[in-house]
Amino acid sequence: MSMVEQVARALAANRYMSIGGADSTALGKPAWVYCVPDALTAIEAMREPTEKMERAARFWSPSLRESYSEMIDAALNEQDQG
């Protein structure tokens, strides 16, 4: 599954919860398909990491996969800290 589909499915699971979530076909296609444009926008917005994301990648993780996870965690935590 591509990252675009993963993000679109996550958006659809929330957005279309009342009609069955990401795989609901109540709209004629799987609901997640309607979230692809928003998924692309969300992923593109993360193209440039924040300072906190860069710090997380540099100081905490020995592998690319761990760095990526740490960077995403840092981005998600920024919302909590304002």
N, C-alpha and C. Protein backbone atom coordinates (compact mmCIF):
# COMPACT_ATOMS: atom_id res chain seq x y z
N MET A 1 0.85 -1.17 0.00
CA MET A 1 0.00 0.00 0.00
C MET A 1 0.90 1.24 0.00
N SER A 2 0.62 2.19 -0.84
CA SER A 2 1.41 3.41 -0.93
C SER A 2 1.14 4.32 0.27
N MET A 3 2.03 5.27 0.50
CA MET A 3 1.83 6.25 1.58
C MET A 3 0.60 7.10 1.29
N VAL A 4 0.37 7.43 0.01
CA VAL A 4 -0.81 8.22 -0.34
C VAL A 4 -2.07 7.46 0.08
N GLU A 5 -2.13 6.17 -0.24
CA GLU A 5 -3.30 5.39 0.14
C GLU A 5 -3.41 5.28 1.66
N GLN A 6 -2.30 5.09 2.35
CA GLN A 6 -2.35 5.00 3.82
C GLN A 6 -2.93 6.26 4.43
N VAL A 7 -2.47 7.41 3.95
CA VAL A 7 -2.97 8.69 4.48
C VAL A 7 -4.43 8.89 4.09
N ALA A 8 -4.77 8.58 2.85
CA ALA A 8 -6.17 8.72 2.39
C ALA A 8 -7.09 7.82 3.21
N ARG A 9 -6.65 6.60 3.49
CA ARG A 9 -7.47 5.69 4.30
C ARG A 9 -7.64 6.22 5.72
N ALA A 10 -6.59 6.79 6.28
CA ALA A 10 -6.69 7.35 7.63
C ALA A 10 -7.68 8.53 7.65
N LEU A 11 -7.59 9.38 6.65
CA LEU A 11 -8.54 10.50 6.56
C LEU A 11 -9.97 10.00 6.40
N ALA A 12 -10.15 9.03 5.52
CA ALA A 12 -11.49 8.50 5.25
C ALA A 12 -12.07 7.75 6.45
N ALA A 13 -11.22 7.06 7.18
CA ALA A 13 -11.71 6.33 8.36
C ALA A 13 -12.38 7.28 9.33
N ASN A 14 -11.82 8.48 9.45
CA ASN A 14 -12.39 9.48 10.33
C ASN A 14 -13.55 10.21 9.66
N ARG A 15 -13.32 10.68 8.45
CA ARG A 15 -14.29 11.50 7.74
C ARG A 15 -15.58 10.75 7.42
N TYR A 16 -15.45 9.49 7.06
CA TYR A 16 -16.62 8.70 6.62
C TYR A 16 -17.02 7.62 7.61
N MET A 17 -16.71 7.84 8.87
CA MET A 17 -17.03 6.88 9.92
C MET A 17 -18.53 6.54 9.94
N SER A 18 -19.36 7.53 9.72
CA SER A 18 -20.80 7.33 9.81
C SER A 18 -21.38 6.48 8.68
N ILE A 19 -20.61 6.30 7.59
CA ILE A 19 -21.11 5.46 6.49
C ILE A 19 -20.28 4.20 6.30
N GLY A 20 -19.43 3.89 7.28
CA GLY A 20 -18.69 2.65 7.22
C GLY A 20 -17.19 2.77 7.08
N GLY A 21 -16.66 3.97 7.08
CA GLY A 21 -15.22 4.16 7.06
C GLY A 21 -14.59 4.13 5.69
N ALA A 22 -13.29 3.87 5.67
CA ALA A 22 -12.46 3.99 4.47
C ALA A 22 -12.88 3.06 3.33
N ASP A 23 -13.37 1.88 3.66
CA ASP A 23 -13.71 0.92 2.61
C ASP A 23 -15.18 0.95 2.20
N SER A 24 -15.96 1.81 2.82
CA SER A 24 -17.37 1.93 2.45
C SER A 24 -17.50 2.31 0.98
N THR A 25 -18.44 1.70 0.31
CA THR A 25 -18.69 2.05 -1.10
C THR A 25 -20.02 2.78 -1.25
N ALA A 26 -20.49 3.37 -0.16
CA ALA A 26 -21.76 4.10 -0.20
C ALA A 26 -21.74 5.26 -1.18
N LEU A 27 -20.55 5.73 -1.51
CA LEU A 27 -20.42 6.87 -2.43
C LEU A 27 -20.12 6.42 -3.86
N GLY A 28 -20.17 5.12 -4.11
CA GLY A 28 -19.92 4.60 -5.45
C GLY A 28 -18.55 4.00 -5.65
N LYS A 29 -17.57 4.47 -4.90
CA LYS A 29 -16.19 3.95 -4.90
C LYS A 29 -15.79 3.80 -3.45
N PRO A 30 -14.69 3.11 -3.18
CA PRO A 30 -14.24 3.10 -1.79
C PRO A 30 -14.06 4.54 -1.29
N ALA A 31 -14.54 4.80 -0.10
CA ALA A 31 -14.53 6.17 0.42
C ALA A 31 -13.14 6.79 0.45
N TRP A 32 -12.11 5.97 0.68
CA TRP A 32 -10.75 6.53 0.78
C TRP A 32 -10.30 7.19 -0.51
N VAL A 33 -10.84 6.76 -1.65
CA VAL A 33 -10.47 7.35 -2.94
C VAL A 33 -10.79 8.84 -2.98
N TYR A 34 -11.85 9.23 -2.31
CA TYR A 34 -12.25 10.64 -2.29
C TYR A 34 -11.32 11.49 -1.42
N CYS A 35 -10.46 10.84 -0.64
CA CYS A 35 -9.53 11.57 0.23
C CYS A 35 -8.13 11.66 -0.36
N VAL A 36 -7.90 11.11 -1.53
CA VAL A 36 -6.57 11.14 -2.14
C VAL A 36 -6.06 12.57 -2.32
N PRO A 37 -6.85 13.51 -2.84
CA PRO A 37 -6.32 14.88 -2.98
C PRO A 37 -5.87 15.47 -1.64
N ASP A 38 -6.63 15.24 -0.59
CA ASP A 38 -6.24 15.74 0.73
C ASP A 38 -5.00 15.02 1.24
N ALA A 39 -4.87 13.74 0.96
CA ALA A 39 -3.69 12.98 1.36
C ALA A 39 -2.45 13.54 0.68
N LEU A 40 -2.55 13.82 -0.61
CA LEU A 40 -1.42 14.40 -1.34
C LEU A 40 -1.02 15.75 -0.75
N THR A 41 -2.00 16.56 -0.42
CA THR A 41 -1.74 17.87 0.18
C THR A 41 -1.06 17.72 1.53
N ALA A 42 -1.54 16.79 2.34
CA ALA A 42 -0.95 16.57 3.67
C ALA A 42 0.49 16.10 3.57
N ILE A 43 0.75 15.16 2.68
CA ILE A 43 2.11 14.64 2.52
C ILE A 43 3.04 15.73 1.99
N GLU A 44 2.55 16.49 1.03
CA GLU A 44 3.37 17.57 0.46
C GLU A 44 3.71 18.62 1.52
N ALA A 45 2.79 18.88 2.42
CA ALA A 45 3.02 19.86 3.48
C ALA A 45 4.15 19.44 4.41
N MET A 46 4.45 18.14 4.43
CA MET A 46 5.50 17.64 5.31
C MET A 46 6.85 17.54 4.59
N ARG A 47 6.93 18.07 3.38
CA ARG A 47 8.16 17.99 2.58
C ARG A 47 9.34 18.63 3.30
N GLU A 48 9.13 19.78 3.93
CA GLU A 48 10.18 20.47 4.66
C GLU A 48 10.02 20.18 6.15
N PRO A 49 10.99 19.49 6.75
CA PRO A 49 10.85 19.17 8.18
C PRO A 49 11.01 20.42 9.04
N THR A 50 10.38 20.39 10.20
CA THR A 50 10.55 21.47 11.17
C THR A 50 11.87 21.24 11.91
N GLU A 51 12.28 22.24 12.68
CA GLU A 51 13.51 22.10 13.46
C GLU A 51 13.42 20.93 14.43
N LYS A 52 12.27 20.76 15.05
CA LYS A 52 12.10 19.66 16.00
C LYS A 52 12.21 18.31 15.29
N MET A 53 11.69 18.23 14.08
CA MET A 53 11.79 16.99 13.32
C MET A 53 13.25 16.69 12.99
N GLU A 54 13.99 17.72 12.58
CA GLU A 54 15.40 17.53 12.26
C GLU A 54 16.20 17.09 13.49
N ARG A 55 15.92 17.72 14.63
CA ARG A 55 16.60 17.33 15.86
C ARG A 55 16.30 15.88 16.22
N ALA A 56 15.05 15.49 16.08
CA ALA A 56 14.67 14.11 16.40
C ALA A 56 15.42 13.12 15.53
N ALA A 57 15.57 13.43 14.27
CA ALA A 57 16.25 12.53 13.34
C ALA A 57 17.74 12.46 13.63
N ARG A 58 18.35 13.57 13.97
CA ARG A 58 19.79 13.63 14.18
C ARG A 58 20.24 12.97 15.47
N PHE A 59 19.48 13.16 16.53
CA PHE A 59 19.98 12.79 17.85
C PHE A 59 19.43 11.49 18.41
N TRP A 60 18.36 10.96 17.87
CA TRP A 60 17.73 9.84 18.55
C TRP A 60 17.74 8.52 17.80
N SER A 61 17.99 8.52 16.52
CA SER A 61 17.74 7.31 15.76
C SER A 61 18.93 6.87 14.91
N PRO A 62 19.33 5.61 15.07
CA PRO A 62 20.46 5.09 14.29
C PRO A 62 20.10 4.64 12.88
N SER A 63 18.83 4.42 12.59
CA SER A 63 18.45 3.93 11.26
C SER A 63 17.47 4.89 10.60
N LEU A 64 17.38 4.81 9.28
CA LEU A 64 16.45 5.66 8.54
C LEU A 64 15.01 5.44 9.00
N ARG A 65 14.62 4.18 9.14
CA ARG A 65 13.24 3.88 9.56
C ARG A 65 12.94 4.49 10.93
N GLU A 66 13.86 4.35 11.86
CA GLU A 66 13.66 4.94 13.18
C GLU A 66 13.67 6.46 13.12
N SER A 67 14.53 7.02 12.29
CA SER A 67 14.58 8.48 12.13
C SER A 67 13.26 9.00 11.59
N TYR A 68 12.73 8.32 10.60
CA TYR A 68 11.45 8.71 10.00
C TYR A 68 10.35 8.71 11.06
N SER A 69 10.29 7.64 11.85
CA SER A 69 9.27 7.55 12.90
C SER A 69 9.45 8.65 13.93
N GLU A 70 10.68 8.90 14.31
CA GLU A 70 10.96 9.96 15.29
C GLU A 70 10.56 11.33 14.74
N MET A 71 10.81 11.55 13.46
CA MET A 71 10.45 12.83 12.85
C MET A 71 8.93 13.01 12.82
N ILE A 72 8.21 11.97 12.48
CA ILE A 72 6.75 12.05 12.46
C ILE A 72 6.22 12.26 13.88
N ASP A 73 6.78 11.54 14.85
CA ASP A 73 6.37 11.74 16.24
C ASP A 73 6.61 13.18 16.67
N ALA A 74 7.77 13.74 16.29
CA ALA A 74 8.07 15.13 16.63
C ALA A 74 7.04 16.08 16.02
N ALA A 75 6.67 15.82 14.77
CA ALA A 75 5.67 16.67 14.11
C ALA A 75 4.32 16.57 14.81
N LEU A 76 3.93 15.37 15.18
CA LEU A 76 2.65 15.19 15.87
C LEU A 76 2.66 15.84 17.25
N ASN A 77 3.80 15.80 17.92
CA ASN A 77 3.91 16.40 19.25
C ASN A 77 3.94 17.92 19.20
N GLU A 78 4.33 18.50 18.06
CA GLU A 78 4.33 19.95 17.95
C GLU A 78 2.93 20.52 18.12
N GLN A 79 1.93 19.79 17.65
CA GLN A 79 0.55 20.25 17.79
C GLN A 79 0.18 20.34 19.26
N ASP A 80 0.62 19.37 20.06
CA ASP A 80 0.31 19.37 21.48
C ASP A 80 0.97 20.53 22.21
N GLN A 81 2.14 20.94 21.71
CA GLN A 81 2.91 21.98 22.39
C GLN A 81 2.67 23.37 21.83
N GLY A 82 1.84 23.46 20.80
CA GLY A 82 1.50 24.76 20.23
C GLY A 82 2.48 25.35 19.32
